[in-house]
Amino acid sequence: MPYRLKRRCPDCREGWLVLLTCPACRKMIAACDEDGGVFADGPAFDQPAVGGCYVSNHPVAGCPACRHVLEFAFAKRAEILGAGVPAGEFMRFPLWREPAKRKRRS
C-alpha cells in the first residue's frame, strides 16, 4: 500500500500528497492525487517543483532531480523515514478499488 502525508496539498487544498520515489536516483517527491502537482522539497513538501512537473494524467518533464525517469514508484516506509519525514506526519492509504460483487443466490 502507498503512503501519503496527513495534510492536504498546499496548492489545490483538495488532494492528498502521495509519497513517491524515483527508481533511478532515489529522490523522493510528493505528488497530489487530485491535480498531479509535484513537490520535491522534502521533507516539508510545501513548494511546487521547479519546471512544473506533473505525474498521473499530466505531462511529466521527468524526475525533478535527475530528469531521466517518467514513472515513479510508491515510497517505502524506510525511504520516507530516511528522507526525514517524521513518522507522525504520514500514513498508509489503500488505493481505490471496486467493491466486490455479491453473488446471486438461485
Protein backbone atom coordinates (compact mmCIF):
# COMPACT_ATOMS: atom_id res chain seq x y z
CA MET A 1 0.00 0.00 0.00
CA PRO A 2 1.20 3.52 -0.74
CA TYR A 3 1.90 6.20 1.84
CA ARG A 4 0.65 9.78 1.91
CA LEU A 5 1.18 12.81 4.09
CA LYS A 6 -1.54 13.50 6.65
CA ARG A 7 -2.11 17.01 5.31
CA ARG A 8 -3.72 18.23 2.11
CA CYS A 9 -1.93 19.54 -0.96
CA PRO A 10 -0.70 23.11 -0.29
CA ASP A 11 -1.52 24.08 -3.87
CA CYS A 12 -5.07 22.85 -4.57
CA ARG A 13 -6.01 22.19 -0.91
CA GLU A 14 -8.15 19.22 -2.01
CA GLY A 15 -5.80 16.35 -2.85
CA TRP A 16 -3.54 14.24 -0.66
CA LEU A 17 0.23 14.21 -1.17
CA VAL A 18 1.29 10.69 -2.16
CA LEU A 19 4.94 9.88 -1.41
CA LEU A 20 6.85 8.55 -4.43
CA THR A 21 10.47 7.66 -5.21
CA CYS A 22 12.41 7.97 -8.45
CA PRO A 23 13.72 4.47 -9.27
CA ALA A 24 16.84 5.93 -10.95
CA CYS A 25 18.18 8.45 -8.41
CA ARG A 26 16.04 7.55 -5.34
CA LYS A 27 14.83 11.18 -4.95
CA MET A 28 11.57 11.32 -3.01
CA ILE A 29 8.74 13.52 -4.19
CA ALA A 30 5.19 14.13 -3.07
CA ALA A 31 2.52 14.20 -5.78
CA CYS A 32 -1.00 15.49 -5.36
CA ASP A 33 -3.53 12.75 -6.07
CA GLU A 34 -6.05 15.38 -7.19
CA ASP A 35 -4.20 17.55 -9.73
CA GLY A 36 -0.87 15.72 -10.13
CA GLY A 37 1.29 18.61 -8.91
CA VAL A 38 4.77 17.58 -7.72
CA PHE A 39 6.52 18.80 -4.59
CA ALA A 40 10.20 17.89 -4.40
CA ASP A 41 11.37 19.92 -1.40
CA GLY A 42 11.15 17.15 1.20
CA PRO A 43 10.69 16.62 4.00
CA ALA A 44 8.46 19.75 4.05
CA PHE A 45 6.89 19.18 0.60
CA ASP A 46 5.27 22.62 0.51
CA GLN A 47 6.83 24.21 -2.60
CA PRO A 48 5.96 23.04 -6.14
CA ALA A 49 8.84 21.52 -8.10
CA VAL A 50 10.63 23.88 -10.49
CA GLY A 51 9.67 23.22 -14.10
CA GLY A 52 6.05 22.32 -13.49
CA CYS A 53 6.48 18.56 -13.22
CA TYR A 54 3.28 16.58 -13.02
CA VAL A 55 2.51 12.92 -12.59
CA SER A 56 -0.54 10.79 -13.35
CA ASN A 57 -2.53 12.07 -16.35
CA HIS A 58 -0.47 15.24 -16.67
CA PRO A 59 2.62 15.93 -18.79
CA VAL A 60 5.82 14.99 -17.00
CA ALA A 61 9.18 16.67 -17.50
CA GLY A 62 10.87 13.83 -15.65
CA CYS A 63 12.21 13.46 -12.15
CA PRO A 64 12.93 16.91 -10.66
CA ALA A 65 16.37 15.66 -9.59
CA CYS A 66 17.70 13.51 -12.48
CA ARG A 67 15.17 14.28 -15.31
CA HIS A 68 15.52 10.69 -16.58
CA VAL A 69 12.53 8.88 -15.13
CA LEU A 70 8.90 9.48 -16.03
CA GLU A 71 7.37 6.80 -13.79
CA PHE A 72 7.78 6.85 -10.05
CA ALA A 73 7.41 4.03 -7.51
CA PHE A 74 5.49 4.27 -4.26
CA ALA A 75 7.92 5.19 -1.49
CA LYS A 76 8.61 2.60 1.18
CA ARG A 77 8.39 3.40 4.89
CA ALA A 78 12.17 3.18 5.35
CA GLU A 79 12.74 5.58 2.43
CA ILE A 80 10.24 8.06 3.88
CA LEU A 81 11.83 7.99 7.31
CA GLY A 82 15.30 8.17 5.73
CA ALA A 83 14.25 11.34 3.89
CA GLY A 84 13.50 12.99 7.24
CA VAL A 85 9.70 12.82 7.24
CA PRO A 86 8.59 12.25 10.87
CA ALA A 87 6.59 9.05 11.42
CA GLY A 88 3.59 11.00 12.72
CA GLU A 89 3.25 13.03 9.50
CA PHE A 90 2.47 10.23 7.04
CA MET A 91 0.20 7.22 6.86
CA ARG A 92 -0.73 4.27 4.65
CA PHE A 93 -3.78 4.52 2.50
CA PRO A 94 -5.46 1.97 0.26
CA LEU A 95 -5.81 2.51 -3.43
CA TRP A 96 -9.40 2.75 -4.57
CA ARG A 97 -10.85 -0.48 -5.83
CA GLU A 98 -14.27 -1.57 -6.93
CA PRO A 99 -16.43 -3.21 -4.30
CA ALA A 100 -16.77 -6.96 -4.64
CA LYS A 101 -19.91 -8.03 -6.45
CA ARG A 102 -22.28 -10.20 -4.49
CA LYS A 103 -23.24 -13.48 -5.99
CA ARG A 104 -26.92 -14.01 -6.57
CA ARG A 105 -28.49 -17.00 -4.98
CA SER A 106 -30.56 -19.12 -7.31
